[in-house]
């Protein structure tokens, strides 16, 4: 029985390693989205700055207003997307924490055998 349980411990260790790898992949994807968000948010700031210039023509103001609406939608979409990825990362962290707790319980159980 003890030999079998040590095999279970190895399996749980592997699951933790897999979880850590998956968490890092999720973080890398989230970072790419964040960089894109920062880039688009900077574009939005530029558009908004252009809208407040006193010498802007009506045509330019109309174009900037349309751009403001479109870019604002992109920024909001990316912000929501970041929140979703944060949720995935949090879920993976909870999974890893749960596996570590299971590992502790298994180790205690094996020591009693």
PDB file of N, CA and C in Angstrom:
ATOM      1  N   UNK A   1       0.838  -1.203   0.000  1.00  0.00           N
ATOM      2  CA  UNK A   1       0.000   0.000   0.000  1.00  0.00           C
ATOM      3  C   UNK A   1       0.876   1.258   0.000  1.00  0.00           C
ATOM      4  N   UNK A   2       1.954   1.226   0.773  1.00  0.00           N
ATOM      5  CA  UNK A   2       2.836   2.394   0.864  1.00  0.00           C
ATOM      6  C   UNK A   2       3.467   2.703  -0.500  1.00  0.00           C
ATOM      7  N   UNK A   3       3.858   1.649  -1.212  1.00  0.00           N
ATOM      8  CA  UNK A   3       4.458   1.838  -2.538  1.00  0.00           C
ATOM      9  C   UNK A   3       3.454   2.490  -3.494  1.00  0.00           C
ATOM     10  N   UNK A   4       2.223   2.011  -3.429  1.00  0.00           N
ATOM     11  CA  UNK A   4       1.170   2.586  -4.276  1.00  0.00           C
ATOM     12  C   UNK A   4       0.961   4.070  -3.959  1.00  0.00           C
ATOM     13  N   UNK A   5       0.915   4.399  -2.690  1.00  0.00           N
ATOM     14  CA  UNK A   5       0.669   5.785  -2.283  1.00  0.00           C
ATOM     15  C   UNK A   5       1.823   6.691  -2.700  1.00  0.00           C
ATOM     16  N   UNK A   6       3.043   6.157  -2.693  1.00  0.00           N
ATOM     17  CA  UNK A   6       4.173   6.956  -3.174  1.00  0.00           C
ATOM     18  C   UNK A   6       4.027   7.244  -4.662  1.00  0.00           C
ATOM     19  N   UNK A   7       3.449   6.298  -5.392  1.00  0.00           N
ATOM     20  CA  UNK A   7       3.147   6.530  -6.806  1.00  0.00           C
ATOM     21  C   UNK A   7       2.106   7.629  -6.970  1.00  0.00           C
ATOM     22  N   UNK A   8       1.136   7.652  -6.080  1.00  0.00           N
ATOM     23  CA  UNK A   8       0.114   8.713  -6.101  1.00  0.00           C
ATOM     24  C   UNK A   8       0.773  10.062  -5.824  1.00  0.00           C
ATOM     25  N   UNK A   9       1.719  10.087  -4.901  1.00  0.00           N
ATOM     26  CA  UNK A   9       2.437  11.329  -4.589  1.00  0.00           C
ATOM     27  C   UNK A   9       3.179  11.827  -5.827  1.00  0.00           C
ATOM     28  N   UNK A  10       3.839  10.911  -6.541  1.00  0.00           N
ATOM     29  CA  UNK A  10       4.536  11.304  -7.780  1.00  0.00           C
ATOM     30  C   UNK A  10       3.555  11.888  -8.792  1.00  0.00           C
ATOM     31  N   UNK A  11       2.398  11.250  -8.895  1.00  0.00           N
ATOM     32  CA  UNK A  11       1.376  11.733  -9.831  1.00  0.00           C
ATOM     33  C   UNK A  11       0.908  13.141  -9.452  1.00  0.00           C
ATOM     34  N   UNK A  12       0.679  13.377  -8.174  1.00  0.00           N
ATOM     35  CA  UNK A  12       0.236  14.704  -7.722  1.00  0.00           C
ATOM     36  C   UNK A  12       1.337  15.735  -7.989  1.00  0.00           C
ATOM     37  N   UNK A  13       2.595  15.346  -7.773  1.00  0.00           N
ATOM     38  CA  UNK A  13       3.707  16.251  -8.104  1.00  0.00           C
ATOM     39  C   UNK A  13       3.663  16.621  -9.592  1.00  0.00           C
ATOM     40  N   UNK A  14       3.433  15.643 -10.436  1.00  0.00           N
ATOM     41  CA  UNK A  14       3.353  15.903 -11.875  1.00  0.00           C
ATOM     42  C   UNK A  14       2.202  16.849 -12.195  1.00  0.00           C
ATOM     43  N   UNK A  15       1.091  16.660 -11.523  1.00  0.00           N
ATOM     44  CA  UNK A  15      -0.057  17.540 -11.742  1.00  0.00           C
ATOM     45  C   UNK A  15       0.270  18.975 -11.322  1.00  0.00           C
ATOM     46  N   UNK A  16       1.014  19.131 -10.246  1.00  0.00           N
ATOM     47  CA  UNK A  16       1.426  20.468  -9.800  1.00  0.00           C
ATOM     48  C   UNK A  16       2.336  21.100 -10.851  1.00  0.00           C
ATOM     49  N   UNK A  17       3.302  20.321 -11.346  1.00  0.00           N
ATOM     50  CA  UNK A  17       4.209  20.857 -12.378  1.00  0.00           C
ATOM     51  C   UNK A  17       3.447  21.245 -13.635  1.00  0.00           C
ATOM     52  N   UNK A  18       2.497  20.396 -14.036  1.00  0.00           N
ATOM     53  CA  UNK A  18       1.679  20.717 -15.204  1.00  0.00           C
ATOM     54  C   UNK A  18       0.872  21.991 -14.964  1.00  0.00           C
ATOM     55  N   UNK A  19       0.347  22.120 -13.760  1.00  0.00           N
ATOM     56  CA  UNK A  19      -0.430  23.319 -13.416  1.00  0.00           C
ATOM     57  C   UNK A  19       0.420  24.567 -13.448  1.00  0.00           C
ATOM     58  N   UNK A  20       1.651  24.469 -12.943  1.00  0.00           N
ATOM     59  CA  UNK A  20       2.551  25.628 -12.966  1.00  0.00           C
ATOM     60  C   UNK A  20       2.869  26.033 -14.406  1.00  0.00           C
ATOM     61  N   UNK A  21       3.098  25.041 -15.241  1.00  0.00           N
ATOM     62  CA  UNK A  21       3.381  25.330 -16.656  1.00  0.00           C
ATOM     63  C   UNK A  21       2.177  26.012 -17.305  1.00  0.00           C
ATOM     64  N   UNK A  22       0.997  25.459 -17.070  1.00  0.00           N
ATOM     65  CA  UNK A  22      -0.221  26.038 -17.652  1.00  0.00           C
ATOM     66  C   UNK A  22      -0.436  27.463 -17.141  1.00  0.00           C
ATOM     67  N   UNK A  23      -0.172  27.686 -15.849  1.00  0.00           N
ATOM     68  CA  UNK A  23      -0.320  29.029 -15.277  1.00  0.00           C
ATOM     69  C   UNK A  23       0.615  30.014 -15.967  1.00  0.00           C
ATOM     70  N   UNK A  24       1.846  29.609 -16.218  1.00  0.00           N
ATOM     71  CA  UNK A  24       2.801  30.496 -16.885  1.00  0.00           C
ATOM     72  C   UNK A  24       2.375  30.793 -18.317  1.00  0.00           C
ATOM     73  N   UNK A  25       1.817  29.808 -19.005  1.00  0.00           N
ATOM     74  CA  UNK A  25       1.304  30.035 -20.363  1.00  0.00           C
ATOM     75  C   UNK A  25       0.161  31.045 -20.325  1.00  0.00           C
ATOM     76  N   UNK A  26      -0.735  30.884 -19.354  1.00  0.00           N
ATOM     77  CA  UNK A  26      -1.847  31.823 -19.214  1.00  0.00           C
ATOM     78  C   UNK A  26      -1.331  33.233 -18.938  1.00  0.00           C
ATOM     79  N   UNK A  27      -0.334  33.350 -18.079  1.00  0.00           N
ATOM     80  CA  UNK A  27       0.239  34.665 -17.776  1.00  0.00           C
ATOM     81  C   UNK A  27       0.874  35.287 -19.012  1.00  0.00           C
ATOM     82  N   UNK A  28       1.530  34.472 -19.837  1.00  0.00           N
ATOM     83  CA  UNK A  28       2.170  34.990 -21.050  1.00  0.00           C
ATOM     84  C   UNK A  28       1.113  35.523 -22.024  1.00  0.00           C
ATOM     85  N   UNK A  29       0.028  34.787 -22.167  1.00  0.00           N
ATOM     86  CA  UNK A  29      -1.050  35.236 -23.058  1.00  0.00           C
ATOM     87  C   UNK A  29      -1.666  36.521 -22.519  1.00  0.00           C
ATOM     88  N   UNK A  30      -1.908  36.562 -21.207  1.00  0.00           N
ATOM     89  CA  UNK A  30      -2.478  37.760 -20.598  1.00  0.00           C
ATOM     90  C   UNK A  30      -1.561  38.958 -20.812  1.00  0.00           C
ATOM     91  N   UNK A  31      -0.254  38.747 -20.717  1.00  0.00           N
ATOM     92  CA  UNK A  31       0.704  39.835 -20.901  1.00  0.00           C
ATOM     93  C   UNK A  31       0.650  40.371 -22.333  1.00  0.00           C
ATOM     94  N   UNK A  32       0.481  39.500 -23.304  1.00  0.00           N
ATOM     95  CA  UNK A  32       0.345  39.951 -24.694  1.00  0.00           C
ATOM     96  C   UNK A  32      -0.900  40.822 -24.848  1.00  0.00           C
ATOM     97  N   UNK A  33      -1.983  40.403 -24.230  1.00  0.00           N
ATOM     98  CA  UNK A  33      -3.230  41.172 -24.297  1.00  0.00           C
ATOM     99  C   UNK A  33      -3.049  42.514 -23.596  1.00  0.00           C
ATOM    100  N   UNK A  34      -2.360  42.508 -22.456  1.00  0.00           N
ATOM    101  CA  UNK A  34      -2.125  43.755 -21.728  1.00  0.00           C
ATOM    102  C   UNK A  34      -1.292  44.728 -22.556  1.00  0.00           C
ATOM    103  N   UNK A  35      -0.288  44.225 -23.250  1.00  0.00           N
ATOM    104  CA  UNK A  35       0.531  45.094 -24.095  1.00  0.00           C
ATOM    105  C   UNK A  35      -0.305  45.691 -25.217  1.00  0.00           C
ATOM    106  N   UNK A  36      -1.179  44.879 -25.802  1.00  0.00           N
ATOM    107  CA  UNK A  36      -2.070  45.373 -26.846  1.00  0.00           C
ATOM    108  C   UNK A  36      -3.028  46.410 -26.266  1.00  0.00           C
ATOM    109  N   UNK A  37      -3.538  46.144 -25.066  1.00  0.00           N
ATOM    110  CA  UNK A  37      -4.413  47.093 -24.381  1.00  0.00           C
ATOM    111  C   UNK A  37      -3.696  48.426 -24.169  1.00  0.00           C
ATOM    112  N   UNK A  38      -2.461  48.382 -23.675  1.00  0.00           N
ATOM    113  CA  UNK A  38      -1.692  49.601 -23.443  1.00  0.00           C
ATOM    114  C   UNK A  38      -1.498  50.393 -24.737  1.00  0.00           C
ATOM    115  N   UNK A  39      -1.198  49.688 -25.824  1.00  0.00           N
ATOM    116  CA  UNK A  39      -0.982  50.336 -27.120  1.00  0.00           C
ATOM    117  C   UNK A  39      -2.260  51.029 -27.590  1.00  0.00           C
ATOM    118  N   UNK A  40      -3.374  50.329 -27.503  1.00  0.00           N
ATOM    119  CA  UNK A  40      -4.643  50.899 -27.970  1.00  0.00           C
ATOM    120  C   UNK A  40      -5.112  52.014 -27.040  1.00  0.00           C
ATOM    121  N   UNK A  41      -4.887  51.868 -25.741  1.00  0.00           N
ATOM    122  CA  UNK A  41      -5.261  52.923 -24.795  1.00  0.00           C
ATOM    123  C   UNK A  41      -4.448  54.188 -25.078  1.00  0.00           C
ATOM    124  N   UNK A  42      -3.197  54.022 -25.467  1.00  0.00           N
ATOM    125  CA  UNK A  42      -2.360  55.179 -25.820  1.00  0.00           C
ATOM    126  C   UNK A  42      -2.900  55.865 -27.078  1.00  0.00           C
ATOM    127  N   UNK A  43      -3.338  55.065 -28.037  1.00  0.00           N
ATOM    128  CA  UNK A  43      -3.959  55.638 -29.241  1.00  0.00           C
ATOM    129  C   UNK A  43      -5.205  56.434 -28.858  1.00  0.00           C
ATOM    130  N   UNK A  44      -5.986  55.893 -27.935  1.00  0.00           N
ATOM    131  CA  UNK A  44      -7.209  56.574 -27.500  1.00  0.00           C
ATOM    132  C   UNK A  44      -6.872  57.911 -26.841  1.00  0.00           C
ATOM    133  N   UNK A  45      -5.829  57.929 -26.013  1.00  0.00           N
ATOM    134  CA  UNK A  45      -5.410  59.193 -25.394  1.00  0.00           C
ATOM    135  C   UNK A  45      -5.012  60.218 -26.452  1.00  0.00           C
ATOM    136  N   UNK A  46      -4.336  59.756 -27.493  1.00  0.00           N
ATOM    137  CA  UNK A  46      -3.950  60.658 -28.581  1.00  0.00           C
ATOM    138  C   UNK A  46      -5.168  61.239 -29.294  1.00  0.00           C
ATOM    139  N   UNK A  47      -6.158  60.407 -29.521  1.00  0.00           N
ATOM    140  CA  UNK A  47      -7.395  60.867 -30.170  1.00  0.00           C
ATOM    141  C   UNK A  47      -8.099  61.878 -29.279  1.00  0.00           C
ATOM    142  N   UNK A  48      -8.195  61.575 -27.999  1.00  0.00           N
ATOM    143  CA  UNK A  48      -8.869  62.497 -27.073  1.00  0.00           C
ATOM    144  C   UNK A  48      -8.115  63.824 -26.967  1.00  0.00           C
ATOM    145  N   UNK A  49      -6.796  63.756 -26.991  1.00  0.00           N
ATOM    146  CA  UNK A  49      -6.008  64.989 -26.992  1.00  0.00           C
ATOM    147  C   UNK A  49      -6.286  65.814 -28.242  1.00  0.00           C
ATOM    148  N   UNK A  50      -6.424  65.127 -29.366  1.00  0.00           N
ATOM    149  CA  UNK A  50      -6.721  65.823 -30.622  1.00  0.00           C
ATOM    150  C   UNK A  50      -8.083  66.487 -30.603  1.00  0.00           C
ATOM    151  N   UNK A  51      -9.021  65.897 -29.912  1.00  0.00           N
ATOM    152  CA  UNK A  51     -10.374  66.452 -29.854  1.00  0.00           C
ATOM    153  C   UNK A  51     -10.453  67.757 -29.068  1.00  0.00           C
ATOM    154  N   UNK A  52      -9.545  67.992 -28.154  1.00  0.00           N
ATOM    155  CA  UNK A  52      -9.620  69.199 -27.331  1.00  0.00           C
ATOM    156  C   UNK A  52      -8.781  70.354 -27.891  1.00  0.00           C
ATOM    157  N   UNK A  53      -8.118  70.129 -29.010  1.00  0.00           N
ATOM    158  CA  UNK A  53      -7.339  71.218 -29.611  1.00  0.00           C
ATOM    159  C   UNK A  53      -8.286  72.311 -30.101  1.00  0.00           C
ATOM    160  N   UNK A  54      -7.950  73.567 -29.835  1.00  0.00           N
ATOM    161  CA  UNK A  54      -8.861  74.658 -30.200  1.00  0.00           C
ATOM    162  C   UNK A  54      -8.958  74.909 -31.708  1.00  0.00           C
ATOM    163  N   UNK A  55      -7.917  74.582 -32.452  1.00  0.00           N
ATOM    164  CA  UNK A  55      -7.905  74.907 -33.878  1.00  0.00           C
ATOM    165  C   UNK A  55      -8.304  73.729 -34.769  1.00  0.00           C
ATOM    166  N   UNK A  56      -9.082  72.797 -34.227  1.00  0.00           N
ATOM    167  CA  UNK A  56      -9.473  71.611 -34.982  1.00  0.00           C
ATOM    168  C   UNK A  56     -10.621  71.953 -35.941  1.00  0.00           C
ATOM    169  N   UNK A  57     -10.549  71.406 -37.151  1.00  0.00           N
ATOM    170  CA  UNK A  57     -11.618  71.638 -38.129  1.00  0.00           C
ATOM    171  C   UNK A  57     -12.790  70.723 -37.817  1.00  0.00           C
ATOM    172  N   UNK A  58     -13.944  71.067 -38.367  1.00  0.00           N
ATOM    173  CA  UNK A  58     -15.130  70.245 -38.144  1.00  0.00           C
ATOM    174  C   UNK A  58     -14.942  68.838 -38.719  1.00  0.00           C
ATOM    175  N   UNK A  59     -14.312  68.771 -39.886  1.00  0.00           N
ATOM    176  CA  UNK A  59     -14.074  67.470 -40.518  1.00  0.00           C
ATOM    177  C   UNK A  59     -13.134  66.613 -39.653  1.00  0.00           C
ATOM    178  N   UNK A  60     -12.081  67.208 -39.173  1.00  0.00           N
ATOM    179  CA  UNK A  60     -11.135  66.477 -38.320  1.00  0.00           C
ATOM    180  C   UNK A  60     -11.804  66.060 -37.013  1.00  0.00           C
ATOM    181  N   UNK A  61     -12.636  66.949 -36.476  1.00  0.00           N
ATOM    182  CA  UNK A  61     -13.339  66.630 -35.229  1.00  0.00           C
ATOM    183  C   UNK A  61     -14.271  65.443 -35.433  1.00  0.00           C
ATOM    184  N   UNK A  62     -14.943  65.392 -36.582  1.00  0.00           N
ATOM    185  CA  UNK A  62     -15.850  64.287 -36.890  1.00  0.00           C
ATOM    186  C   UNK A  62     -15.064  62.970 -37.009  1.00  0.00           C
ATOM    187  N   UNK A  63     -13.934  63.002 -37.689  1.00  0.00           N
ATOM    188  CA  UNK A  63     -13.105  61.804 -37.841  1.00  0.00           C
ATOM    189  C   UNK A  63     -12.567  61.333 -36.487  1.00  0.00           C
ATOM    190  N   UNK A  64     -12.118  62.281 -35.693  1.00  0.00           N
ATOM    191  CA  UNK A  64     -11.591  61.922 -34.376  1.00  0.00           C
ATOM    192  C   UNK A  64     -12.687  61.385 -33.456  1.00  0.00           C
ATOM    193  N   UNK A  65     -13.887  61.923 -33.577  1.00  0.00           N
ATOM    194  CA  UNK A  65     -15.004  61.439 -32.769  1.00  0.00           C
ATOM    195  C   UNK A  65     -15.336  59.994 -33.121  1.00  0.00           C
ATOM    196  N   UNK A  66     -15.353  59.685 -34.429  1.00  0.00           N
ATOM    197  CA  UNK A  66     -15.597  58.299 -34.857  1.00  0.00           C
ATOM    198  C   UNK A  66     -14.483  57.385 -34.353  1.00  0.00           C
ATOM    199  N   UNK A  67     -13.250  57.848 -34.493  1.00  0.00           N
ATOM    200  CA  UNK A  67     -12.109  57.057 -34.020  1.00  0.00           C
ATOM    201  C   UNK A  67     -12.207  56.843 -32.511  1.00  0.00           C
ATOM    202  N   UNK A  68     -12.623  57.872 -31.788  1.00  0.00           N
ATOM    203  CA  UNK A  68     -12.781  57.779 -30.331  1.00  0.00           C
ATOM    204  C   UNK A  68     -13.782  56.682 -29.973  1.00  0.00           C
ATOM    205  N   UNK A  69     -14.906  56.647 -30.677  1.00  0.00           N
ATOM    206  CA  UNK A  69     -15.933  55.646 -30.403  1.00  0.00           C
ATOM    207  C   UNK A  69     -15.415  54.234 -30.686  1.00  0.00           C
ATOM    208  N   UNK A  70     -14.742  54.063 -31.821  1.00  0.00           N
ATOM    209  CA  UNK A  70     -14.247  52.743 -32.207  1.00  0.00           C
ATOM    210  C   UNK A  70     -13.150  52.253 -31.256  1.00  0.00           C
ATOM    211  N   UNK A  71     -12.217  53.135 -30.964  1.00  0.00           N
ATOM    212  CA  UNK A  71     -11.096  52.742 -30.106  1.00  0.00           C
ATOM    213  C   UNK A  71     -11.583  52.511 -28.672  1.00  0.00           C
ATOM    214  N   UNK A  72     -12.554  53.296 -28.233  1.00  0.00           N
ATOM    215  CA  UNK A  72     -13.109  53.094 -26.888  1.00  0.00           C
ATOM    216  C   UNK A  72     -13.729  51.704 -26.762  1.00  0.00           C
ATOM    217  N   UNK A  73     -14.414  51.247 -27.813  1.00  0.00           N
ATOM    218  CA  UNK A  73     -14.993  49.906 -27.807  1.00  0.00           C
ATOM    219  C   UNK A  73     -13.889  48.852 -27.720  1.00  0.00           C
ATOM    220  N   UNK A  74     -12.799  49.070 -28.457  1.00  0.00           N
ATOM    221  CA  UNK A  74     -11.678  48.123 -28.416  1.00  0.00           C
ATOM    222  C   UNK A  74     -11.071  48.066 -27.013  1.00  0.00           C
ATOM    223  N   UNK A  75     -10.893  49.236 -26.408  1.00  0.00           N
ATOM    224  CA  UNK A  75     -10.308  49.298 -25.072  1.00  0.00           C
ATOM    225  C   UNK A  75     -11.196  48.558 -24.075  1.00  0.00           C
ATOM    226  N   UNK A  76     -12.490  48.777 -24.139  1.00  0.00           N
ATOM    227  CA  UNK A  76     -13.409  48.101 -23.220  1.00  0.00           C
ATOM    228  C   UNK A  76     -13.395  46.592 -23.434  1.00  0.00           C
ATOM    229  N   UNK A  77     -13.345  46.172 -24.704  1.00  0.00           N
ATOM    230  CA  UNK A  77     -13.282  44.746 -24.998  1.00  0.00           C
ATOM    231  C   UNK A  77     -12.017  44.108 -24.441  1.00  0.00           C
ATOM    232  N   UNK A  78     -10.896  44.806 -24.614  1.00  0.00           N
ATOM    233  CA  UNK A  78      -9.632  44.282 -24.089  1.00  0.00           C
ATOM    234  C   UNK A  78      -9.622  44.270 -22.564  1.00  0.00           C
ATOM    235  N   UNK A  79     -10.237  45.282 -21.961  1.00  0.00           N
ATOM    236  CA  UNK A  79     -10.308  45.328 -20.497  1.00  0.00           C
ATOM    237  C   UNK A  79     -11.104  44.126 -19.978  1.00  0.00           C
ATOM    238  N   UNK A  80     -12.202  43.810 -20.644  1.00  0.00           N
ATOM    239  CA  UNK A  80     -13.015  42.654 -20.264  1.00  0.00           C
ATOM    240  C   UNK A  80     -12.212  41.368 -20.485  1.00  0.00           C
ATOM    241  N   UNK A  81     -11.502  41.313 -21.598  1.00  0.00           N
ATOM    242  CA  UNK A  81     -10.683  40.151 -21.919  1.00  0.00           C
ATOM    243  C   UNK A  81      -9.610  39.927 -20.848  1.00  0.00           C
ATOM    244  N   UNK A  82      -8.987  41.012 -20.394  1.00  0.00           N
ATOM    245  CA  UNK A  82      -7.981  40.902 -19.332  1.00  0.00           C
ATOM    246  C   UNK A  82      -8.595  40.328 -18.061  1.00  0.00           C
ATOM    247  N   UNK A  83      -9.797  40.774 -17.739  1.00  0.00           N
ATOM    248  CA  UNK A  83     -10.482  40.256 -16.563  1.00  0.00           C
ATOM    249  C   UNK A  83     -10.752  38.765 -16.673  1.00  0.00           C
ATOM    250  N   UNK A  84     -11.103  38.309 -17.865  1.00  0.00           N
ATOM    251  CA  UNK A  84     -11.345  36.882 -18.078  1.00  0.00           C
ATOM    252  C   UNK A  84     -10.063  36.080 -17.895  1.00  0.00           C
ATOM    253  N   UNK A  85      -8.954  36.599 -18.421  1.00  0.00           N
ATOM    254  CA  UNK A  85      -7.674  35.895 -18.268  1.00  0.00           C
ATOM    255  C   UNK A  85      -7.215  35.905 -16.813  1.00  0.00           C
ATOM    256  N   UNK A  86      -7.488  36.998 -16.109  1.00  0.00           N
ATOM    257  CA  UNK A  86      -7.172  37.030 -14.675  1.00  0.00           C
ATOM    258  C   UNK A  86      -7.936  35.925 -13.941  1.00  0.00           C
ATOM    259  N   UNK A  87      -9.197  35.730 -14.334  1.00  0.00           N
ATOM    260  CA  UNK A  87     -10.003  34.670 -13.727  1.00  0.00           C
ATOM    261  C   UNK A  87      -9.430  33.289 -14.004  1.00  0.00           C
ATOM    262  N   UNK A  88      -8.955  33.081 -15.230  1.00  0.00           N
ATOM    263  CA  UNK A  88      -8.353  31.787 -15.575  1.00  0.00           C
ATOM    264  C   UNK A  88      -7.073  31.553 -14.769  1.00  0.00           C
ATOM    265  N   UNK A  89      -6.281  32.594 -14.619  1.00  0.00           N
ATOM    266  CA  UNK A  89      -5.037  32.473 -13.848  1.00  0.00           C
ATOM    267  C   UNK A  89      -5.352  32.187 -12.383  1.00  0.00           C
ATOM    268  N   UNK A  90      -6.327  32.896 -11.835  1.00  0.00           N
ATOM    269  CA  UNK A  90      -6.730  32.667 -10.436  1.00  0.00           C
ATOM    270  C   UNK A  90      -7.223  31.230 -10.236  1.00  0.00           C
ATOM    271  N   UNK A  91      -8.003  30.732 -11.195  1.00  0.00           N
ATOM    272  CA  UNK A  91      -8.519  29.364 -11.092  1.00  0.00           C
ATOM    273  C   UNK A  91      -7.366  28.361 -11.109  1.00  0.00           C
ATOM    274  N   UNK A  92      -6.376  28.601 -11.954  1.00  0.00           N
ATOM    275  CA  UNK A  92      -5.229  27.695 -12.030  1.00  0.00           C
ATOM    276  C   UNK A  92      -4.433  27.749 -10.729  1.00  0.00           C
ATOM    277  N   UNK A  93      -4.302  28.946 -10.149  1.00  0.00           N
ATOM    278  CA  UNK A  93      -3.581  29.069  -8.878  1.00  0.00           C
ATOM    279  C   UNK A  93      -4.318  28.312  -7.764  1.00  0.00           C
ATOM    280  N   UNK A  94      -5.640  28.396  -7.749  1.00  0.00           N
ATOM    281  CA  UNK A  94      -6.418  27.658  -6.751  1.00  0.00           C
ATOM    282  C   UNK A  94      -6.257  26.155  -6.951  1.00  0.00           C
ATOM    283  N   UNK A  95      -6.213  25.735  -8.203  1.00  0.00           N
ATOM    284  CA  UNK A  95      -6.012  24.319  -8.504  1.00  0.00           C
ATOM    285  C   UNK A  95      -4.663  23.840  -7.960  1.00  0.00           C
ATOM    286  N   UNK A  96      -3.619  24.629  -8.191  1.00  0.00           N
ATOM    287  CA  UNK A  96      -2.282  24.277  -7.700  1.00  0.00           C
ATOM    288  C   UNK A  96      -2.271  24.233  -6.174  1.00  0.00           C
ATOM    289  N   UNK A  97      -2.908  25.205  -5.563  1.00  0.00           N
ATOM    290  CA  UNK A  97      -2.967  25.239  -4.095  1.00  0.00           C
ATOM    291  C   UNK A  97      -3.683  24.000  -3.563  1.00  0.00           C
ATOM    292  N   UNK A  98      -4.766  23.613  -4.221  1.00  0.00           N
ATOM    293  CA  UNK A  98      -5.502  22.417  -3.826  1.00  0.00           C
ATOM    294  C   UNK A  98      -4.659  21.159  -3.956  1.00  0.00           C
ATOM    295  N   UNK A  99      -3.884  21.083  -5.034  1.00  0.00           N
ATOM    296  CA  UNK A  99      -3.005  19.932  -5.227  1.00  0.00           C
ATOM    297  C   UNK A  99      -1.920  19.882  -4.154  1.00  0.00           C
ATOM    298  N   UNK A 100      -1.424  21.045  -3.777  1.00  0.00           N
ATOM    299  CA  UNK A 100      -0.408  21.077  -2.711  1.00  0.00           C
ATOM    300  C   UNK A 100      -0.997  20.607  -1.382  1.00  0.00           C
ATOM    301  N   UNK A 101      -2.240  20.996  -1.116  1.00  0.00           N
ATOM    302  CA  UNK A 101      -2.913  20.531   0.105  1.00  0.00           C
ATOM    303  C   UNK A 101      -3.087  19.017   0.062  1.00  0.00           C
ATOM    304  N   UNK A 102      -3.480  18.519  -1.097  1.00  0.00           N
ATOM    305  CA  UNK A 102      -3.636  17.073  -1.262  1.00  0.00           C
ATOM    306  C   UNK A 102      -2.298  16.370  -1.042  1.00  0.00           C
ATOM    307  N   UNK A 103      -1.233  16.967  -1.543  1.00  0.00           N
ATOM    308  CA  UNK A 103       0.099  16.394  -1.374  1.00  0.00           C
ATOM    309  C   UNK A 103       0.474  16.316   0.106  1.00  0.00           C
ATOM    310  N   UNK A 104       0.167  17.372   0.844  1.00  0.00           N
ATOM    311  CA  UNK A 104       0.438  17.372   2.288  1.00  0.00           C
ATOM    312  C   UNK A 104      -0.334  16.247   2.990  1.00  0.00           C
ATOM    313  N   UNK A 105      -1.600  16.096   2.621  1.00  0.00           N
ATOM    314  CA  UNK A 105      -2.417  15.037   3.230  1.00  0.00           C
ATOM    315  C   UNK A 105      -1.868  13.650   2.884  1.00  0.00           C
ATOM    316  N   UNK A 106      -1.466  13.472   1.647  1.00  0.00           N
ATOM    317  CA  UNK A 106      -0.904  12.185   1.238  1.00  0.00           C
ATOM    318  C   UNK A 106       0.382  11.870   2.006  1.00  0.00           C
ATOM    319  N   UNK A 107       1.217  12.890   2.155  1.00  0.00           N
ATOM    320  CA  UNK A 107       2.485  12.698   2.882  1.00  0.00           C
ATOM    321  C   UNK A 107       2.203  12.299   4.333  1.00  0.00           C
ATOM    322  N   UNK A 108       1.245  12.957   4.960  1.00  0.00           N
ATOM    323  CA  UNK A 108       0.886  12.598   6.331  1.00  0.00           C
ATOM    324  C   UNK A 108       0.340  11.180   6.402  1.00  0.00           C
ATOM    325  N   UNK A 109      -0.494  10.835   5.430  1.00  0.00           N
ATOM    326  CA  UNK A 109      -1.095   9.508   5.403  1.00  0.00           C
ATOM    327  C   UNK A 109      -0.012   8.434   5.249  1.00  0.00           C
ATOM    328  N   UNK A 110       0.928   8.672   4.336  1.00  0.00           N
ATOM    329  CA  UNK A 110       2.000   7.711   4.104  1.00  0.00           C
ATOM    330  C   UNK A 110       2.869   7.543   5.350  1.00  0.00           C
ATOM    331  N   UNK A 111       3.102   8.632   6.062  1.00  0.00           N
ATOM    332  CA  UNK A 111       3.951   8.542   7.261  1.00  0.00           C
ATOM    333  C   UNK A 111       3.289   7.683   8.351  1.00  0.00           C
ATOM    334  N   UNK A 112       1.977   7.546   8.283  1.00  0.00           N
ATOM    335  CA  UNK A 112       1.264   6.729   9.284  1.00  0.00           C
ATOM    336  C   UNK A 112       1.219   5.253   8.891  1.00  0.00           C
ATOM    337  N   UNK A 113       1.579   4.953   7.645  1.00  0.00           N
ATOM    338  CA  UNK A 113       1.539   3.550   7.199  1.00  0.00           C
ATOM    339  C   UNK A 113       2.694   2.754   7.749  1.00  0.00           C
TER     340      UNK A 113
END
